[in-house]
Amino acid sequence: MTEATFGPGRLSFGMNLRFYLLLLLCVGLLAEAPPARAQQAAPPATFFGTYTYRSYAILDQESGPELLPAQGVGGTLTLRANGTYQKRLTLAANGGTMRFDQDGRFTFTPGHISFMYPDKNGRSRTDEGTFRLVKNSLTITLAGYPAGNQSIYILRRL
């Protein structure tokens, strides 16, 4: 067997080469591992503020793959830097206007957002999904019920 000298002693080339390659691979993977999420990266200041609802659509898997757009969408969503939000969504329905008001807290990581609020019976509820902010346009997609359904909101910063 071919021998090579590594460090102070002689080591078997075949067996120890595999060990060193594995060690280098592990060190390389650790060097590329993302840092622990001890601190959340601060979003750009333009993330916080008041947005106006431009459209709202529902993806209902039982109805088919087409989005069901809501009519007469209006209202605002205010996201504050202290983690609180105020939702004042209005929709046209049954010849009138329906209001959907929520006040609660939100958290986010890059691309993911959660809204926590009390329901009409005072129980804590959480809606989770994704968001995308491009210039002044914010798109929020929330997971619906049953699983696979979605609510898609498109908003514009005021």
N, C-alpha and C. Protein backbone atom coordinates (compact mmCIF):
# COMPACT_ATOMS: atom_id res chain seq x y z
N MET A 1 0.84 -1.16 0.00
CA MET A 1 0.00 0.00 0.00
C MET A 1 0.90 1.23 0.00
N THR A 2 0.48 2.28 -0.71
CA THR A 2 1.25 3.51 -0.77
C THR A 2 1.15 4.23 0.56
N GLU A 3 2.25 4.71 1.03
CA GLU A 3 2.29 5.42 2.30
C GLU A 3 2.66 6.88 2.02
N ALA A 4 2.18 7.78 2.86
CA ALA A 4 2.54 9.19 2.78
C ALA A 4 2.76 9.68 4.19
N THR A 5 3.61 10.67 4.33
CA THR A 5 3.88 11.21 5.65
C THR A 5 3.01 12.45 5.85
N PHE A 6 2.21 12.43 6.91
CA PHE A 6 1.35 13.55 7.26
C PHE A 6 1.66 13.88 8.70
N GLY A 7 2.09 15.07 8.98
CA GLY A 7 2.38 15.46 10.35
C GLY A 7 3.57 14.70 10.87
N PRO A 8 3.58 14.44 12.19
CA PRO A 8 4.75 13.83 12.80
C PRO A 8 4.90 12.34 12.52
N GLY A 9 3.85 11.66 12.14
CA GLY A 9 3.98 10.21 11.93
C GLY A 9 3.61 9.82 10.52
N ARG A 10 3.76 8.55 10.22
CA ARG A 10 3.40 8.04 8.89
C ARG A 10 2.00 7.48 8.95
N LEU A 11 1.15 7.85 7.98
CA LEU A 11 -0.23 7.39 7.96
C LEU A 11 -0.50 6.67 6.65
N SER A 12 -1.39 5.75 6.68
CA SER A 12 -1.77 5.03 5.48
C SER A 12 -2.45 6.01 4.52
N PHE A 13 -1.96 6.10 3.30
CA PHE A 13 -2.45 7.07 2.32
C PHE A 13 -3.91 6.84 1.98
N GLY A 14 -4.30 5.61 1.66
CA GLY A 14 -5.67 5.32 1.23
C GLY A 14 -6.70 5.60 2.30
N MET A 15 -6.49 5.11 3.50
CA MET A 15 -7.45 5.26 4.58
C MET A 15 -7.51 6.70 5.07
N ASN A 16 -6.35 7.30 5.27
CA ASN A 16 -6.32 8.65 5.81
C ASN A 16 -6.68 9.71 4.79
N LEU A 17 -6.47 9.45 3.52
CA LEU A 17 -6.89 10.40 2.50
C LEU A 17 -8.40 10.57 2.56
N ARG A 18 -9.12 9.46 2.71
CA ARG A 18 -10.58 9.54 2.83
C ARG A 18 -10.98 10.34 4.06
N PHE A 19 -10.27 10.13 5.16
CA PHE A 19 -10.55 10.85 6.40
C PHE A 19 -10.34 12.36 6.20
N TYR A 20 -9.22 12.73 5.59
CA TYR A 20 -8.93 14.14 5.38
C TYR A 20 -9.90 14.78 4.39
N LEU A 21 -10.28 14.05 3.34
CA LEU A 21 -11.27 14.59 2.40
C LEU A 21 -12.61 14.80 3.09
N LEU A 22 -13.01 13.85 3.93
CA LEU A 22 -14.25 13.99 4.68
C LEU A 22 -14.17 15.17 5.64
N LEU A 23 -13.02 15.32 6.30
CA LEU A 23 -12.82 16.43 7.22
C LEU A 23 -12.91 17.76 6.47
N LEU A 24 -12.25 17.86 5.30
CA LEU A 24 -12.30 19.08 4.50
C LEU A 24 -13.72 19.38 4.03
N LEU A 25 -14.46 18.35 3.64
CA LEU A 25 -15.84 18.52 3.22
C LEU A 25 -16.68 19.07 4.36
N CYS A 26 -16.53 18.52 5.56
CA CYS A 26 -17.29 18.99 6.72
C CYS A 26 -16.94 20.43 7.07
N VAL A 27 -15.66 20.75 7.04
CA VAL A 27 -15.23 22.13 7.32
C VAL A 27 -15.81 23.07 6.28
N GLY A 28 -15.81 22.66 5.03
CA GLY A 28 -16.39 23.48 3.96
C GLY A 28 -17.87 23.68 4.14
N LEU A 29 -18.60 22.64 4.52
CA LEU A 29 -20.04 22.78 4.75
C LEU A 29 -20.32 23.69 5.93
N LEU A 30 -19.54 23.58 6.99
CA LEU A 30 -19.74 24.45 8.14
C LEU A 30 -19.44 25.90 7.79
N ALA A 31 -18.44 26.11 6.96
CA ALA A 31 -18.09 27.48 6.58
C ALA A 31 -19.20 28.12 5.76
N GLU A 32 -19.97 27.31 5.00
CA GLU A 32 -21.03 27.85 4.17
C GLU A 32 -22.39 27.81 4.84
N ALA A 33 -22.49 27.24 6.03
CA ALA A 33 -23.77 27.17 6.72
C ALA A 33 -24.23 28.57 7.08
N PRO A 34 -25.54 28.84 6.95
CA PRO A 34 -26.02 30.17 7.30
C PRO A 34 -25.87 30.41 8.79
N PRO A 35 -25.67 31.66 9.19
CA PRO A 35 -25.52 31.94 10.61
C PRO A 35 -26.82 31.66 11.37
N ALA A 36 -26.67 31.36 12.63
CA ALA A 36 -27.85 31.12 13.46
C ALA A 36 -28.72 32.36 13.45
N ARG A 37 -30.04 32.17 13.57
CA ARG A 37 -30.96 33.30 13.49
C ARG A 37 -31.13 33.94 14.86
N ALA A 38 -30.02 34.41 15.41
CA ALA A 38 -30.08 35.07 16.71
C ALA A 38 -30.74 36.43 16.57
N GLN A 39 -30.49 37.11 15.45
CA GLN A 39 -31.09 38.40 15.22
C GLN A 39 -31.77 38.38 13.87
N GLN A 40 -32.96 38.96 13.81
CA GLN A 40 -33.70 39.05 12.57
C GLN A 40 -33.18 40.25 11.80
N ALA A 41 -32.91 40.06 10.52
CA ALA A 41 -32.44 41.17 9.71
C ALA A 41 -33.52 42.23 9.64
N ALA A 42 -33.13 43.47 9.81
CA ALA A 42 -34.09 44.56 9.77
C ALA A 42 -34.56 44.78 8.34
N PRO A 43 -35.86 44.94 8.14
CA PRO A 43 -36.36 45.20 6.80
C PRO A 43 -36.08 46.64 6.42
N PRO A 44 -36.20 46.96 5.16
CA PRO A 44 -36.03 48.36 4.79
C PRO A 44 -37.14 49.19 5.43
N ALA A 45 -36.85 50.42 5.74
CA ALA A 45 -37.83 51.29 6.40
C ALA A 45 -39.10 51.42 5.57
N THR A 46 -38.99 51.23 4.26
CA THR A 46 -40.17 51.37 3.40
C THR A 46 -41.17 50.22 3.60
N PHE A 47 -40.78 49.17 4.30
CA PHE A 47 -41.71 48.06 4.56
C PHE A 47 -42.84 48.52 5.47
N PHE A 48 -42.52 49.30 6.48
CA PHE A 48 -43.51 49.75 7.44
C PHE A 48 -44.28 50.93 6.87
N GLY A 49 -45.54 51.02 7.22
CA GLY A 49 -46.36 52.12 6.75
C GLY A 49 -47.76 51.65 6.43
N THR A 50 -48.49 52.47 5.71
CA THR A 50 -49.88 52.18 5.37
C THR A 50 -50.00 51.85 3.89
N TYR A 51 -50.71 50.78 3.62
CA TYR A 51 -50.95 50.31 2.26
C TYR A 51 -52.45 50.34 2.00
N THR A 52 -52.83 50.53 0.76
CA THR A 52 -54.22 50.44 0.36
C THR A 52 -54.43 49.13 -0.40
N TYR A 53 -55.55 48.47 -0.11
CA TYR A 53 -55.86 47.22 -0.80
C TYR A 53 -56.24 47.52 -2.25
N ARG A 54 -55.56 46.85 -3.20
CA ARG A 54 -55.85 47.02 -4.63
C ARG A 54 -56.68 45.86 -5.16
N SER A 55 -56.40 44.65 -4.66
CA SER A 55 -57.19 43.49 -5.07
C SER A 55 -57.09 42.40 -4.01
N TYR A 56 -58.07 41.53 -4.05
CA TYR A 56 -58.14 40.39 -3.13
C TYR A 56 -58.75 39.25 -3.91
N ALA A 57 -58.11 38.10 -3.85
CA ALA A 57 -58.63 36.92 -4.56
C ALA A 57 -58.44 35.69 -3.68
N ILE A 58 -59.28 34.71 -3.91
CA ILE A 58 -59.23 33.46 -3.16
C ILE A 58 -58.96 32.33 -4.14
N LEU A 59 -58.07 31.44 -3.75
CA LEU A 59 -57.86 30.20 -4.48
C LEU A 59 -58.54 29.11 -3.67
N ASP A 60 -59.68 28.64 -4.19
CA ASP A 60 -60.47 27.60 -3.53
C ASP A 60 -60.32 26.33 -4.34
N GLN A 61 -59.57 25.37 -3.82
CA GLN A 61 -59.26 24.14 -4.56
C GLN A 61 -60.52 23.37 -4.97
N GLU A 62 -61.59 23.45 -4.17
CA GLU A 62 -62.82 22.73 -4.51
C GLU A 62 -63.52 23.35 -5.72
N SER A 63 -63.33 24.66 -5.91
CA SER A 63 -63.95 25.36 -7.04
C SER A 63 -63.15 25.24 -8.32
N GLY A 64 -61.87 24.86 -8.19
CA GLY A 64 -61.02 24.72 -9.36
C GLY A 64 -59.76 25.54 -9.23
N PRO A 65 -58.92 25.51 -10.26
CA PRO A 65 -57.60 26.18 -10.19
C PRO A 65 -57.64 27.69 -10.43
N GLU A 66 -58.80 28.22 -10.78
CA GLU A 66 -58.90 29.65 -11.08
C GLU A 66 -59.05 30.48 -9.81
N LEU A 67 -58.41 31.64 -9.79
CA LEU A 67 -58.58 32.58 -8.68
C LEU A 67 -59.98 33.18 -8.74
N LEU A 68 -60.58 33.35 -7.57
CA LEU A 68 -61.90 33.97 -7.47
C LEU A 68 -61.69 35.39 -6.95
N PRO A 69 -61.75 36.40 -7.83
CA PRO A 69 -61.49 37.77 -7.38
C PRO A 69 -62.69 38.34 -6.62
N ALA A 70 -62.40 39.10 -5.59
CA ALA A 70 -63.44 39.79 -4.83
C ALA A 70 -63.78 41.09 -5.56
N GLN A 71 -64.99 41.57 -5.35
CA GLN A 71 -65.44 42.81 -5.98
C GLN A 71 -65.41 43.95 -4.97
N GLY A 72 -65.18 45.16 -5.46
CA GLY A 72 -65.24 46.34 -4.62
C GLY A 72 -64.24 46.35 -3.49
N VAL A 73 -63.01 45.96 -3.76
CA VAL A 73 -61.98 45.87 -2.74
C VAL A 73 -61.50 47.27 -2.35
N GLY A 74 -61.39 47.51 -1.06
CA GLY A 74 -60.89 48.80 -0.57
C GLY A 74 -60.37 48.66 0.84
N GLY A 75 -59.93 49.77 1.39
CA GLY A 75 -59.45 49.77 2.76
C GLY A 75 -57.95 49.85 2.84
N THR A 76 -57.44 49.74 4.08
CA THR A 76 -56.01 49.90 4.31
C THR A 76 -55.47 48.82 5.24
N LEU A 77 -54.16 48.64 5.15
CA LEU A 77 -53.40 47.79 6.06
C LEU A 77 -52.21 48.62 6.53
N THR A 78 -52.10 48.80 7.85
CA THR A 78 -50.98 49.54 8.42
C THR A 78 -50.07 48.57 9.16
N LEU A 79 -48.81 48.53 8.77
CA LEU A 79 -47.79 47.70 9.40
C LEU A 79 -46.83 48.63 10.15
N ARG A 80 -46.76 48.48 11.46
CA ARG A 80 -45.93 49.37 12.27
C ARG A 80 -44.62 48.68 12.66
N ALA A 81 -43.57 49.49 12.84
CA ALA A 81 -42.25 48.96 13.19
C ALA A 81 -42.25 48.26 14.54
N ASN A 82 -43.22 48.53 15.40
CA ASN A 82 -43.28 47.87 16.71
C ASN A 82 -43.93 46.49 16.66
N GLY A 83 -44.29 46.02 15.44
CA GLY A 83 -44.85 44.68 15.28
C GLY A 83 -46.37 44.62 15.38
N THR A 84 -47.04 45.77 15.41
CA THR A 84 -48.50 45.77 15.44
C THR A 84 -49.03 46.12 14.05
N TYR A 85 -50.26 45.71 13.79
CA TYR A 85 -50.87 46.05 12.51
C TYR A 85 -52.33 46.39 12.72
N GLN A 86 -52.88 47.09 11.74
CA GLN A 86 -54.29 47.43 11.70
C GLN A 86 -54.80 47.14 10.30
N LYS A 87 -55.80 46.28 10.19
CA LYS A 87 -56.39 45.90 8.91
C LYS A 87 -57.80 46.47 8.86
N ARG A 88 -58.09 47.20 7.78
CA ARG A 88 -59.41 47.74 7.54
C ARG A 88 -59.76 47.43 6.08
N LEU A 89 -60.21 46.21 5.84
CA LEU A 89 -60.52 45.73 4.49
C LEU A 89 -62.02 45.85 4.25
N THR A 90 -62.40 46.36 3.10
CA THR A 90 -63.80 46.42 2.71
C THR A 90 -63.99 45.70 1.38
N LEU A 91 -65.13 45.02 1.27
CA LEU A 91 -65.49 44.30 0.04
C LEU A 91 -66.94 44.59 -0.29
N ALA A 92 -67.27 44.67 -1.58
CA ALA A 92 -68.65 44.81 -2.00
C ALA A 92 -69.28 43.43 -2.01
N ALA A 93 -70.45 43.31 -1.36
CA ALA A 93 -71.16 42.03 -1.33
C ALA A 93 -72.62 42.25 -0.97
N ASN A 94 -73.48 41.48 -1.58
CA ASN A 94 -74.92 41.51 -1.28
C ASN A 94 -75.50 42.92 -1.36
N GLY A 95 -75.06 43.70 -2.35
CA GLY A 95 -75.59 45.04 -2.53
C GLY A 95 -75.09 46.05 -1.51
N GLY A 96 -74.12 45.70 -0.71
CA GLY A 96 -73.59 46.61 0.30
C GLY A 96 -72.09 46.45 0.45
N THR A 97 -71.59 46.93 1.56
CA THR A 97 -70.16 46.85 1.84
C THR A 97 -69.94 46.02 3.09
N MET A 98 -69.04 45.05 3.00
CA MET A 98 -68.67 44.24 4.16
C MET A 98 -67.32 44.73 4.66
N ARG A 99 -67.21 44.86 5.99
CA ARG A 99 -65.95 45.30 6.60
C ARG A 99 -65.28 44.12 7.29
N PHE A 100 -63.97 44.06 7.15
CA PHE A 100 -63.16 43.07 7.84
C PHE A 100 -62.07 43.83 8.58
N ASP A 101 -62.27 44.04 9.87
CA ASP A 101 -61.33 44.79 10.69
C ASP A 101 -60.56 43.85 11.60
N GLN A 102 -59.27 44.06 11.68
CA GLN A 102 -58.41 43.30 12.59
C GLN A 102 -57.35 44.24 13.16
N ASP A 103 -57.05 44.03 14.41
CA ASP A 103 -55.93 44.70 15.06
C ASP A 103 -55.15 43.60 15.76
N GLY A 104 -53.86 43.56 15.53
CA GLY A 104 -53.06 42.50 16.15
C GLY A 104 -51.59 42.75 15.99
N ARG A 105 -50.85 41.65 16.04
CA ARG A 105 -49.39 41.70 15.93
C ARG A 105 -48.98 40.89 14.70
N PHE A 106 -47.82 41.23 14.17
CA PHE A 106 -47.29 40.45 13.06
C PHE A 106 -45.80 40.22 13.28
N THR A 107 -45.31 39.12 12.72
CA THR A 107 -43.89 38.82 12.71
C THR A 107 -43.52 38.42 11.29
N PHE A 108 -42.25 38.53 10.98
CA PHE A 108 -41.83 38.13 9.64
C PHE A 108 -40.37 37.76 9.63
N THR A 109 -40.04 36.94 8.68
CA THR A 109 -38.67 36.63 8.30
C THR A 109 -38.65 36.88 6.79
N PRO A 110 -37.52 36.90 6.16
CA PRO A 110 -37.52 37.19 4.72
C PRO A 110 -38.50 36.29 3.96
N GLY A 111 -39.50 36.92 3.35
CA GLY A 111 -40.47 36.20 2.54
C GLY A 111 -41.61 35.55 3.28
N HIS A 112 -41.60 35.50 4.61
CA HIS A 112 -42.65 34.83 5.39
C HIS A 112 -43.25 35.82 6.38
N ILE A 113 -44.58 35.79 6.53
CA ILE A 113 -45.25 36.71 7.45
C ILE A 113 -46.34 35.97 8.21
N SER A 114 -46.53 36.36 9.48
CA SER A 114 -47.59 35.79 10.32
C SER A 114 -48.35 36.94 10.97
N PHE A 115 -49.67 36.82 10.99
CA PHE A 115 -50.54 37.78 11.65
C PHE A 115 -51.24 37.09 12.81
N MET A 116 -51.11 37.64 14.02
CA MET A 116 -51.76 37.09 15.20
C MET A 116 -52.79 38.10 15.69
N TYR A 117 -54.02 37.62 15.93
CA TYR A 117 -55.11 38.51 16.32
C TYR A 117 -56.19 37.70 17.04
N PRO A 118 -57.03 38.37 17.83
CA PRO A 118 -58.14 37.66 18.46
C PRO A 118 -59.31 37.56 17.47
N ASP A 119 -59.97 36.40 17.41
CA ASP A 119 -61.14 36.27 16.55
C ASP A 119 -62.34 36.93 17.25
N LYS A 120 -63.51 36.85 16.64
CA LYS A 120 -64.69 37.54 17.19
C LYS A 120 -65.10 36.98 18.56
N ASN A 121 -64.63 35.78 18.90
CA ASN A 121 -64.92 35.18 20.21
C ASN A 121 -63.77 35.39 21.21
N GLY A 122 -62.75 36.15 20.81
CA GLY A 122 -61.64 36.44 21.70
C GLY A 122 -60.54 35.41 21.71
N ARG A 123 -60.67 34.36 20.90
CA ARG A 123 -59.62 33.34 20.83
C ARG A 123 -58.49 33.80 19.92
N SER A 124 -57.28 33.44 20.29
CA SER A 124 -56.11 33.82 19.50
C SER A 124 -56.09 33.05 18.19
N ARG A 125 -55.81 33.75 17.13
CA ARG A 125 -55.76 33.14 15.80
C ARG A 125 -54.51 33.62 15.09
N THR A 126 -53.93 32.77 14.25
CA THR A 126 -52.74 33.13 13.48
C THR A 126 -52.96 32.77 12.01
N ASP A 127 -52.72 33.74 11.14
CA ASP A 127 -52.72 33.51 9.69
C ASP A 127 -51.28 33.62 9.23
N GLU A 128 -50.84 32.64 8.44
CA GLU A 128 -49.44 32.61 7.99
C GLU A 128 -49.37 32.53 6.47
N GLY A 129 -48.29 33.07 5.94
CA GLY A 129 -48.10 33.01 4.51
C GLY A 129 -46.80 33.65 4.08
N THR A 130 -46.81 34.11 2.85
CA THR A 130 -45.62 34.72 2.27
C THR A 130 -45.93 36.16 1.89
N PHE A 131 -44.87 36.94 1.72
CA PHE A 131 -45.06 38.30 1.22
C PHE A 131 -43.93 38.62 0.26
N ARG A 132 -44.22 39.58 -0.60
CA ARG A 132 -43.23 40.07 -1.55
C ARG A 132 -43.43 41.56 -1.71
N LEU A 133 -42.38 42.31 -1.45
CA LEU A 133 -42.42 43.76 -1.57
C LEU A 133 -41.54 44.18 -2.73
N VAL A 134 -42.13 44.79 -3.74
CA VAL A 134 -41.39 45.31 -4.89
C VAL A 134 -41.78 46.77 -5.05
N LYS A 135 -40.81 47.63 -4.79
CA LYS A 135 -41.04 49.08 -4.77
C LYS A 135 -42.19 49.36 -3.81
N ASN A 136 -43.29 49.88 -4.28
CA ASN A 136 -44.42 50.23 -3.40
C ASN A 136 -45.55 49.20 -3.46
N SER A 137 -45.32 48.08 -4.10
CA SER A 137 -46.34 47.05 -4.24
C SER A 137 -46.05 45.87 -3.31
N LEU A 138 -47.01 45.55 -2.46
CA LEU A 138 -46.88 44.46 -1.50
C LEU A 138 -47.89 43.38 -1.84
N THR A 139 -47.43 42.16 -2.04
CA THR A 139 -48.31 41.01 -2.27
C THR A 139 -48.20 40.09 -1.07
N ILE A 140 -49.33 39.77 -0.47
CA ILE A 140 -49.38 38.85 0.67
C ILE A 140 -50.25 37.67 0.27
N THR A 141 -49.71 36.47 0.42
CA THR A 141 -50.46 35.24 0.16
C THR A 141 -50.54 34.46 1.46
N LEU A 142 -51.77 34.28 1.95
CA LEU A 142 -51.99 33.58 3.22
C LEU A 142 -52.59 32.21 2.97
N ALA A 143 -52.14 31.25 3.76
CA ALA A 143 -52.68 29.89 3.68
C ALA A 143 -54.13 29.93 4.14
N GLY A 144 -54.98 29.21 3.43
CA GLY A 144 -56.41 29.17 3.77
C GLY A 144 -56.81 27.83 4.33
N TYR A 145 -58.11 27.71 4.55
CA TYR A 145 -58.67 26.46 5.07
C TYR A 145 -59.72 25.99 4.09
N PRO A 146 -59.79 24.71 3.76
CA PRO A 146 -58.83 23.66 4.14
C PRO A 146 -57.49 23.85 3.44
N ALA A 147 -56.53 23.05 3.86
CA ALA A 147 -55.16 23.15 3.34
C ALA A 147 -55.17 23.18 1.82
N GLY A 148 -54.33 24.03 1.27
CA GLY A 148 -54.24 24.18 -0.19
C GLY A 148 -54.95 25.42 -0.69
N ASN A 149 -55.91 25.93 0.07
CA ASN A 149 -56.59 27.16 -0.31
C ASN A 149 -55.71 28.35 0.08
N GLN A 150 -55.90 29.46 -0.61
CA GLN A 150 -55.08 30.64 -0.35
C GLN A 150 -55.91 31.91 -0.50
N SER A 151 -55.49 32.94 0.23
CA SER A 151 -56.01 34.29 0.06
C SER A 151 -54.85 35.14 -0.43
N ILE A 152 -55.07 35.88 -1.51
CA ILE A 152 -54.01 36.68 -2.11
C ILE A 152 -54.44 38.14 -2.10
N TYR A 153 -53.63 38.96 -1.45
CA TYR A 153 -53.88 40.39 -1.34
C TYR A 153 -52.79 41.13 -2.10
N ILE A 154 -53.20 42.12 -2.89
CA ILE A 154 -52.23 43.01 -3.53
C ILE A 154 -52.51 44.41 -3.02
N LEU A 155 -51.47 45.02 -2.47
CA LEU A 155 -51.60 46.33 -1.85
C LEU A 155 -50.59 47.31 -2.44
N ARG A 156 -50.87 48.59 -2.29
CA ARG A 156 -49.96 49.63 -2.74
C ARG A 156 -49.72 50.59 -1.59
N ARG A 157 -48.46 50.92 -1.40
CA ARG A 157 -48.08 51.83 -0.31
C ARG A 157 -48.63 53.23 -0.59
N LEU A 158 -49.22 53.82 0.44
CA LEU A 158 -49.75 55.20 0.31
C LEU A 158 -48.63 56.20 0.35
